[in-house]
PDB file of N, CA and C in Angstrom:
ATOM      1  N   UNK A   1      25.523 -53.725  35.807  1.00  0.00           N
ATOM      2  CA  UNK A   1      24.261 -53.590  36.205  1.00  0.00           C
ATOM      3  C   UNK A   1      24.910 -53.065  37.625  1.00  0.00           C
ATOM      4  N   UNK A   2      23.677 -52.213  37.900  1.00  0.00           N
ATOM      5  CA  UNK A   2      23.917 -51.817  38.957  1.00  0.00           C
ATOM      6  C   UNK A   2      22.854 -52.739  39.865  1.00  0.00           C
ATOM      7  N   UNK A   3      23.635 -52.552  41.025  1.00  0.00           N
ATOM      8  CA  UNK A   3      22.680 -53.565  42.383  1.00  0.00           C
ATOM      9  C   UNK A   3      21.397 -52.435  42.515  1.00  0.00           C
ATOM     10  N   UNK A   4      19.988 -53.579  43.075  1.00  0.00           N
ATOM     11  CA  UNK A   4      18.851 -53.172  43.528  1.00  0.00           C
ATOM     12  C   UNK A   4      18.467 -52.237  44.327  1.00  0.00           C
ATOM     13  N   UNK A   5      19.711 -51.946  44.987  1.00  0.00           N
ATOM     14  CA  UNK A   5      19.496 -50.655  46.231  1.00  0.00           C
ATOM     15  C   UNK A   5      19.573 -49.347  45.758  1.00  0.00           C
ATOM     16  N   UNK A   6      19.961 -49.449  44.575  1.00  0.00           N
ATOM     17  CA  UNK A   6      20.307 -48.055  43.813  1.00  0.00           C
ATOM     18  C   UNK A   6      19.555 -47.578  42.288  1.00  0.00           C
ATOM     19  N   UNK A   7      18.349 -48.161  42.760  1.00  0.00           N
ATOM     20  CA  UNK A   7      17.392 -48.077  41.196  1.00  0.00           C
ATOM     21  C   UNK A   7      17.362 -46.377  41.225  1.00  0.00           C
ATOM     22  N   UNK A   8      17.147 -45.733  39.861  1.00  0.00           N
ATOM     23  CA  UNK A   8      16.500 -43.915  39.754  1.00  0.00           C
ATOM     24  C   UNK A   8      15.392 -44.293  38.978  1.00  0.00           C
ATOM     25  N   UNK A   9      14.409 -43.793  39.075  1.00  0.00           N
ATOM     26  CA  UNK A   9      13.394 -43.223  38.038  1.00  0.00           C
ATOM     27  C   UNK A   9      13.418 -42.086  37.714  1.00  0.00           C
ATOM     28  N   UNK A  10      13.421 -41.606  36.518  1.00  0.00           N
ATOM     29  CA  UNK A  10      13.670 -40.282  36.412  1.00  0.00           C
ATOM     30  C   UNK A  10      12.315 -40.046  35.345  1.00  0.00           C
ATOM     31  N   UNK A  11      11.348 -39.156  35.254  1.00  0.00           N
ATOM     32  CA  UNK A  11       9.639 -39.148  34.147  1.00  0.00           C
ATOM     33  C   UNK A  11       9.981 -38.041  33.845  1.00  0.00           C
ATOM     34  N   UNK A  12       9.887 -37.976  32.265  1.00  0.00           N
ATOM     35  CA  UNK A  12       9.986 -36.690  31.778  1.00  0.00           C
ATOM     36  C   UNK A  12       8.924 -37.093  30.330  1.00  0.00           C
ATOM     37  N   UNK A  13       8.903 -35.930  29.484  1.00  0.00           N
ATOM     38  CA  UNK A  13       8.135 -36.106  28.432  1.00  0.00           C
ATOM     39  C   UNK A  13       8.568 -35.930  27.038  1.00  0.00           C
ATOM     40  N   UNK A  14       7.962 -36.093  25.950  1.00  0.00           N
ATOM     41  CA  UNK A  14       8.651 -36.417  24.737  1.00  0.00           C
ATOM     42  C   UNK A  14       9.399 -35.216  24.770  1.00  0.00           C
ATOM     43  N   UNK A  15       9.351 -33.685  24.955  1.00  0.00           N
ATOM     44  CA  UNK A  15      10.296 -32.494  24.890  1.00  0.00           C
ATOM     45  C   UNK A  15      11.007 -32.587  26.132  1.00  0.00           C
ATOM     46  N   UNK A  16      11.627 -33.635  26.428  1.00  0.00           N
ATOM     47  CA  UNK A  16      12.063 -34.057  27.611  1.00  0.00           C
ATOM     48  C   UNK A  16      12.503 -32.896  29.031  1.00  0.00           C
ATOM     49  N   UNK A  17      11.337 -32.154  29.591  1.00  0.00           N
ATOM     50  CA  UNK A  17      10.422 -31.772  30.176  1.00  0.00           C
ATOM     51  C   UNK A  17      10.833 -32.663  31.790  1.00  0.00           C
ATOM     52  N   UNK A  18      11.483 -32.191  32.310  1.00  0.00           N
ATOM     53  CA  UNK A  18      11.337 -33.269  33.512  1.00  0.00           C
ATOM     54  C   UNK A  18      10.417 -33.143  34.507  1.00  0.00           C
ATOM     55  N   UNK A  19       9.854 -34.466  35.196  1.00  0.00           N
ATOM     56  CA  UNK A  19       8.856 -33.853  36.406  1.00  0.00           C
ATOM     57  C   UNK A  19       9.027 -34.257  37.148  1.00  0.00           C
ATOM     58  N   UNK A  20       9.800 -35.779  37.461  1.00  0.00           N
ATOM     59  CA  UNK A  20      10.935 -35.898  39.169  1.00  0.00           C
ATOM     60  C   UNK A  20      11.715 -36.774  38.518  1.00  0.00           C
ATOM     61  N   UNK A  21      12.192 -37.045  39.644  1.00  0.00           N
ATOM     62  CA  UNK A  21      13.052 -38.714  39.995  1.00  0.00           C
ATOM     63  C   UNK A  21      12.965 -38.599  40.969  1.00  0.00           C
ATOM     64  N   UNK A  22      13.380 -40.166  41.302  1.00  0.00           N
ATOM     65  CA  UNK A  22      12.927 -40.900  42.449  1.00  0.00           C
ATOM     66  C   UNK A  22      13.967 -42.074  42.656  1.00  0.00           C
ATOM     67  N   UNK A  23      14.772 -42.255  43.807  1.00  0.00           N
ATOM     68  CA  UNK A  23      14.973 -43.101  43.872  1.00  0.00           C
ATOM     69  C   UNK A  23      14.841 -44.222  45.228  1.00  0.00           C
ATOM     70  N   UNK A  24      15.240 -44.991  45.362  1.00  0.00           N
ATOM     71  CA  UNK A  24      14.936 -46.120  46.703  1.00  0.00           C
ATOM     72  C   UNK A  24      16.341 -45.441  47.917  1.00  0.00           C
ATOM     73  N   UNK A  25      15.553 -45.151  48.839  1.00  0.00           N
ATOM     74  CA  UNK A  25      16.436 -44.557  49.884  1.00  0.00           C
ATOM     75  C   UNK A  25      15.672 -45.368  51.362  1.00  0.00           C
ATOM     76  N   UNK A  26      17.000 -46.105  52.341  1.00  0.00           N
ATOM     77  CA  UNK A  26      16.028 -46.819  52.992  1.00  0.00           C
ATOM     78  C   UNK A  26      14.857 -47.467  52.960  1.00  0.00           C
ATOM     79  N   UNK A  27      15.285 -48.410  51.991  1.00  0.00           N
ATOM     80  CA  UNK A  27      13.974 -49.146  51.257  1.00  0.00           C
ATOM     81  C   UNK A  27      13.073 -48.859  51.277  1.00  0.00           C
ATOM     82  N   UNK A  28      12.731 -47.170  51.344  1.00  0.00           N
ATOM     83  CA  UNK A  28      11.838 -46.810  50.503  1.00  0.00           C
ATOM     84  C   UNK A  28      11.703 -46.066  48.952  1.00  0.00           C
ATOM     85  N   UNK A  29      10.730 -45.713  48.482  1.00  0.00           N
ATOM     86  CA  UNK A  29      10.987 -45.103  47.019  1.00  0.00           C
ATOM     87  C   UNK A  29      10.662 -43.314  47.229  1.00  0.00           C
ATOM     88  N   UNK A  30      11.629 -42.168  47.220  1.00  0.00           N
ATOM     89  CA  UNK A  30      11.484 -41.094  47.883  1.00  0.00           C
ATOM     90  C   UNK A  30      11.982 -40.152  46.849  1.00  0.00           C
ATOM     91  N   UNK A  31      11.179 -39.157  46.702  1.00  0.00           N
ATOM     92  CA  UNK A  31      11.418 -37.939  45.676  1.00  0.00           C
ATOM     93  C   UNK A  31      12.802 -37.535  45.305  1.00  0.00           C
ATOM     94  N   UNK A  32      13.655 -37.170  44.756  1.00  0.00           N
ATOM     95  CA  UNK A  32      14.870 -36.146  44.936  1.00  0.00           C
ATOM     96  C   UNK A  32      14.904 -35.274  44.232  1.00  0.00           C
ATOM     97  N   UNK A  33      14.460 -34.014  45.473  1.00  0.00           N
ATOM     98  CA  UNK A  33      14.718 -32.540  44.676  1.00  0.00           C
ATOM     99  C   UNK A  33      15.387 -32.138  43.299  1.00  0.00           C
ATOM    100  N   UNK A  34      14.758 -31.540  42.777  1.00  0.00           N
ATOM    101  CA  UNK A  34      15.738 -31.397  41.789  1.00  0.00           C
ATOM    102  C   UNK A  34      15.753 -29.447  41.847  1.00  0.00           C
ATOM    103  N   UNK A  35      17.030 -29.165  41.416  1.00  0.00           N
ATOM    104  CA  UNK A  35      17.309 -27.988  41.315  1.00  0.00           C
ATOM    105  C   UNK A  35      16.498 -27.122  40.350  1.00  0.00           C
ATOM    106  N   UNK A  36      16.311 -25.831  40.683  1.00  0.00           N
ATOM    107  CA  UNK A  36      15.331 -24.556  40.162  1.00  0.00           C
ATOM    108  C   UNK A  36      14.055 -25.483  40.207  1.00  0.00           C
ATOM    109  N   UNK A  37      13.328 -26.473  41.128  1.00  0.00           N
ATOM    110  CA  UNK A  37      11.943 -26.950  40.498  1.00  0.00           C
ATOM    111  C   UNK A  37      11.357 -26.966  42.086  1.00  0.00           C
ATOM    112  N   UNK A  38      10.133 -27.275  42.177  1.00  0.00           N
ATOM    113  CA  UNK A  38       9.540 -27.143  43.493  1.00  0.00           C
ATOM    114  C   UNK A  38       8.311 -27.606  43.533  1.00  0.00           C
ATOM    115  N   UNK A  39       7.812 -28.806  44.241  1.00  0.00           N
ATOM    116  CA  UNK A  39       6.299 -29.442  44.414  1.00  0.00           C
ATOM    117  C   UNK A  39       5.707 -28.903  44.511  1.00  0.00           C
ATOM    118  N   UNK A  40       4.327 -28.704  43.884  1.00  0.00           N
ATOM    119  CA  UNK A  40       2.819 -28.036  43.845  1.00  0.00           C
ATOM    120  C   UNK A  40       2.361 -28.819  44.366  1.00  0.00           C
ATOM    121  N   UNK A  41       1.279 -28.576  46.161  1.00  0.00           N
ATOM    122  CA  UNK A  41       0.641 -29.699  45.865  1.00  0.00           C
ATOM    123  C   UNK A  41      -0.677 -29.007  46.241  1.00  0.00           C
ATOM    124  N   UNK A  42      -1.920 -29.323  45.130  1.00  0.00           N
ATOM    125  CA  UNK A  42      -3.358 -29.161  45.161  1.00  0.00           C
ATOM    126  C   UNK A  42      -3.852 -29.025  46.381  1.00  0.00           C
ATOM    127  N   UNK A  43      -5.105 -28.384  47.055  1.00  0.00           N
ATOM    128  CA  UNK A  43      -5.824 -28.942  47.794  1.00  0.00           C
ATOM    129  C   UNK A  43      -6.366 -30.408  48.068  1.00  0.00           C
ATOM    130  N   UNK A  44      -6.268 -31.017  49.095  1.00  0.00           N
ATOM    131  CA  UNK A  44      -7.234 -32.298  48.957  1.00  0.00           C
ATOM    132  C   UNK A  44      -8.494 -32.009  48.704  1.00  0.00           C
ATOM    133  N   UNK A  45      -9.004 -33.020  47.399  1.00  0.00           N
ATOM    134  CA  UNK A  45     -10.400 -33.033  46.662  1.00  0.00           C
ATOM    135  C   UNK A  45     -11.153 -33.600  48.086  1.00  0.00           C
ATOM    136  N   UNK A  46     -12.423 -32.766  47.686  1.00  0.00           N
ATOM    137  CA  UNK A  46     -13.646 -32.964  48.340  1.00  0.00           C
ATOM    138  C   UNK A  46     -13.985 -34.352  49.273  1.00  0.00           C
ATOM    139  N   UNK A  47     -13.876 -35.509  48.634  1.00  0.00           N
ATOM    140  CA  UNK A  47     -13.981 -36.688  48.807  1.00  0.00           C
ATOM    141  C   UNK A  47     -12.958 -37.872  48.753  1.00  0.00           C
ATOM    142  N   UNK A  48     -12.664 -38.965  49.417  1.00  0.00           N
ATOM    143  CA  UNK A  48     -12.061 -39.932  48.480  1.00  0.00           C
ATOM    144  C   UNK A  48     -12.373 -41.128  47.345  1.00  0.00           C
ATOM    145  N   UNK A  49     -13.300 -40.202  46.726  1.00  0.00           N
ATOM    146  CA  UNK A  49     -13.826 -40.887  45.406  1.00  0.00           C
ATOM    147  C   UNK A  49     -12.610 -40.728  44.243  1.00  0.00           C
ATOM    148  N   UNK A  50     -12.120 -39.786  44.463  1.00  0.00           N
ATOM    149  CA  UNK A  50     -11.299 -38.755  44.017  1.00  0.00           C
ATOM    150  C   UNK A  50     -10.007 -39.334  44.108  1.00  0.00           C
ATOM    151  N   UNK A  51      -9.155 -40.072  43.020  1.00  0.00           N
ATOM    152  CA  UNK A  51      -7.749 -40.486  43.203  1.00  0.00           C
ATOM    153  C   UNK A  51      -6.453 -39.656  44.082  1.00  0.00           C
ATOM    154  N   UNK A  52      -5.521 -40.032  44.886  1.00  0.00           N
ATOM    155  CA  UNK A  52      -4.829 -38.820  45.228  1.00  0.00           C
ATOM    156  C   UNK A  52      -4.001 -38.674  44.317  1.00  0.00           C
ATOM    157  N   UNK A  53      -3.307 -36.977  44.121  1.00  0.00           N
ATOM    158  CA  UNK A  53      -2.691 -36.526  43.739  1.00  0.00           C
ATOM    159  C   UNK A  53      -1.211 -35.649  44.019  1.00  0.00           C
ATOM    160  N   UNK A  54      -0.412 -36.273  43.387  1.00  0.00           N
ATOM    161  CA  UNK A  54       1.187 -35.884  43.646  1.00  0.00           C
ATOM    162  C   UNK A  54       1.415 -34.487  43.301  1.00  0.00           C
ATOM    163  N   UNK A  55       0.815 -33.738  43.055  1.00  0.00           N
ATOM    164  CA  UNK A  55       0.714 -32.566  42.609  1.00  0.00           C
ATOM    165  C   UNK A  55       1.665 -32.559  41.616  1.00  0.00           C
ATOM    166  N   UNK A  56       2.214 -31.288  40.960  1.00  0.00           N
ATOM    167  CA  UNK A  56       3.258 -30.989  40.012  1.00  0.00           C
ATOM    168  C   UNK A  56       4.422 -30.282  40.468  1.00  0.00           C
ATOM    169  N   UNK A  57       5.566 -30.561  39.388  1.00  0.00           N
ATOM    170  CA  UNK A  57       6.767 -29.461  39.751  1.00  0.00           C
ATOM    171  C   UNK A  57       6.632 -28.307  38.727  1.00  0.00           C
ATOM    172  N   UNK A  58       6.889 -27.261  39.550  1.00  0.00           N
ATOM    173  CA  UNK A  58       6.938 -26.000  39.191  1.00  0.00           C
ATOM    174  C   UNK A  58       8.834 -25.926  38.832  1.00  0.00           C
ATOM    175  N   UNK A  59       8.293 -24.931  37.820  1.00  0.00           N
ATOM    176  CA  UNK A  59       9.633 -24.027  37.521  1.00  0.00           C
ATOM    177  C   UNK A  59      10.194 -22.991  38.366  1.00  0.00           C
ATOM    178  N   UNK A  60      10.981 -22.720  38.736  1.00  0.00           N
ATOM    179  CA  UNK A  60      11.885 -21.765  39.526  1.00  0.00           C
ATOM    180  C   UNK A  60      12.284 -20.413  38.854  1.00  0.00           C
ATOM    181  N   UNK A  61      13.114 -21.017  37.765  1.00  0.00           N
ATOM    182  CA  UNK A  61      13.767 -20.249  37.222  1.00  0.00           C
ATOM    183  C   UNK A  61      13.558 -19.572  35.726  1.00  0.00           C
ATOM    184  N   UNK A  62      12.397 -19.650  35.879  1.00  0.00           N
ATOM    185  CA  UNK A  62      12.133 -19.165  34.572  1.00  0.00           C
ATOM    186  C   UNK A  62      11.137 -17.466  34.357  1.00  0.00           C
ATOM    187  N   UNK A  63      11.256 -16.871  35.855  1.00  0.00           N
ATOM    188  CA  UNK A  63      10.883 -15.923  35.933  1.00  0.00           C
ATOM    189  C   UNK A  63       9.540 -15.627  35.927  1.00  0.00           C
ATOM    190  N   UNK A  64       8.953 -16.812  35.826  1.00  0.00           N
ATOM    191  CA  UNK A  64       7.481 -16.470  36.316  1.00  0.00           C
ATOM    192  C   UNK A  64       7.100 -16.770  37.728  1.00  0.00           C
ATOM    193  N   UNK A  65       5.738 -16.054  38.459  1.00  0.00           N
ATOM    194  CA  UNK A  65       5.772 -16.141  39.396  1.00  0.00           C
ATOM    195  C   UNK A  65       4.975 -17.239  39.646  1.00  0.00           C
ATOM    196  N   UNK A  66       5.998 -18.062  40.962  1.00  0.00           N
ATOM    197  CA  UNK A  66       5.689 -19.429  41.483  1.00  0.00           C
ATOM    198  C   UNK A  66       3.857 -19.253  42.768  1.00  0.00           C
ATOM    199  N   UNK A  67       3.447 -20.250  41.933  1.00  0.00           N
ATOM    200  CA  UNK A  67       1.792 -20.458  43.195  1.00  0.00           C
ATOM    201  C   UNK A  67       2.234 -20.526  44.206  1.00  0.00           C
ATOM    202  N   UNK A  68       1.141 -20.191  44.660  1.00  0.00           N
ATOM    203  CA  UNK A  68       1.122 -19.895  46.569  1.00  0.00           C
ATOM    204  C   UNK A  68       1.226 -21.526  46.542  1.00  0.00           C
ATOM    205  N   UNK A  69       2.215 -22.369  47.414  1.00  0.00           N
ATOM    206  CA  UNK A  69       1.692 -23.455  48.266  1.00  0.00           C
ATOM    207  C   UNK A  69       0.533 -24.087  48.729  1.00  0.00           C
ATOM    208  N   UNK A  70      -0.364 -24.599  48.432  1.00  0.00           N
ATOM    209  CA  UNK A  70      -1.350 -25.382  49.783  1.00  0.00           C
ATOM    210  C   UNK A  70      -0.700 -25.515  50.738  1.00  0.00           C
ATOM    211  N   UNK A  71      -1.412 -25.023  51.857  1.00  0.00           N
ATOM    212  CA  UNK A  71      -0.596 -25.448  53.571  1.00  0.00           C
ATOM    213  C   UNK A  71      -0.732 -26.919  53.619  1.00  0.00           C
ATOM    214  N   UNK A  72       0.291 -27.574  54.220  1.00  0.00           N
ATOM    215  CA  UNK A  72       0.260 -28.688  54.426  1.00  0.00           C
ATOM    216  C   UNK A  72      -1.131 -29.814  55.151  1.00  0.00           C
ATOM    217  N   UNK A  73      -1.417 -29.247  56.057  1.00  0.00           N
ATOM    218  CA  UNK A  73      -3.121 -29.492  56.739  1.00  0.00           C
ATOM    219  C   UNK A  73      -4.105 -29.357  55.607  1.00  0.00           C
ATOM    220  N   UNK A  74      -4.170 -29.066  55.154  1.00  0.00           N
ATOM    221  CA  UNK A  74      -5.127 -28.777  53.662  1.00  0.00           C
ATOM    222  C   UNK A  74      -4.342 -29.809  52.464  1.00  0.00           C
ATOM    223  N   UNK A  75      -3.233 -30.379  52.250  1.00  0.00           N
ATOM    224  CA  UNK A  75      -3.404 -31.395  51.160  1.00  0.00           C
ATOM    225  C   UNK A  75      -3.840 -32.620  51.402  1.00  0.00           C
ATOM    226  N   UNK A  76      -3.890 -33.191  50.535  1.00  0.00           N
ATOM    227  CA  UNK A  76      -4.347 -34.802  50.742  1.00  0.00           C
ATOM    228  C   UNK A  76      -2.931 -35.161  51.251  1.00  0.00           C
ATOM    229  N   UNK A  77      -3.574 -36.441  52.828  1.00  0.00           N
ATOM    230  CA  UNK A  77      -2.705 -36.768  53.230  1.00  0.00           C
ATOM    231  C   UNK A  77      -2.116 -38.068  52.548  1.00  0.00           C
ATOM    232  N   UNK A  78      -3.160 -38.872  51.998  1.00  0.00           N
ATOM    233  CA  UNK A  78      -2.745 -40.194  51.136  1.00  0.00           C
ATOM    234  C   UNK A  78      -1.531 -40.442  50.315  1.00  0.00           C
ATOM    235  N   UNK A  79      -0.801 -41.209  49.775  1.00  0.00           N
ATOM    236  CA  UNK A  79       0.266 -41.427  49.080  1.00  0.00           C
ATOM    237  C   UNK A  79      -0.694 -41.540  47.637  1.00  0.00           C
ATOM    238  N   UNK A  80       0.759 -40.785  47.236  1.00  0.00           N
ATOM    239  CA  UNK A  80       0.464 -40.815  45.558  1.00  0.00           C
ATOM    240  C   UNK A  80       0.723 -42.504  44.824  1.00  0.00           C
ATOM    241  N   UNK A  81       2.183 -42.054  45.609  1.00  0.00           N
ATOM    242  CA  UNK A  81       2.507 -42.953  45.207  1.00  0.00           C
ATOM    243  C   UNK A  81       3.390 -44.081  45.718  1.00  0.00           C
TER     244      UNK A  81
END
């Protein structure tokens, strides 16, 4: 049994496409970068009535163009998790 300080969460769908990996690090749940992926963030919603979005992972190894990243100052600053 793993100690509580080493919790890992891997999220994937039924087809085993990986959506993210999170671990407890220094007492916080943080996302671990996955090879050949990059998290893309949408621009912030126009009001706080919409829930915060964590963005989504984009694969970078498929030969498809990767969308331009939203600048940090235009992203929703509220934590999504």
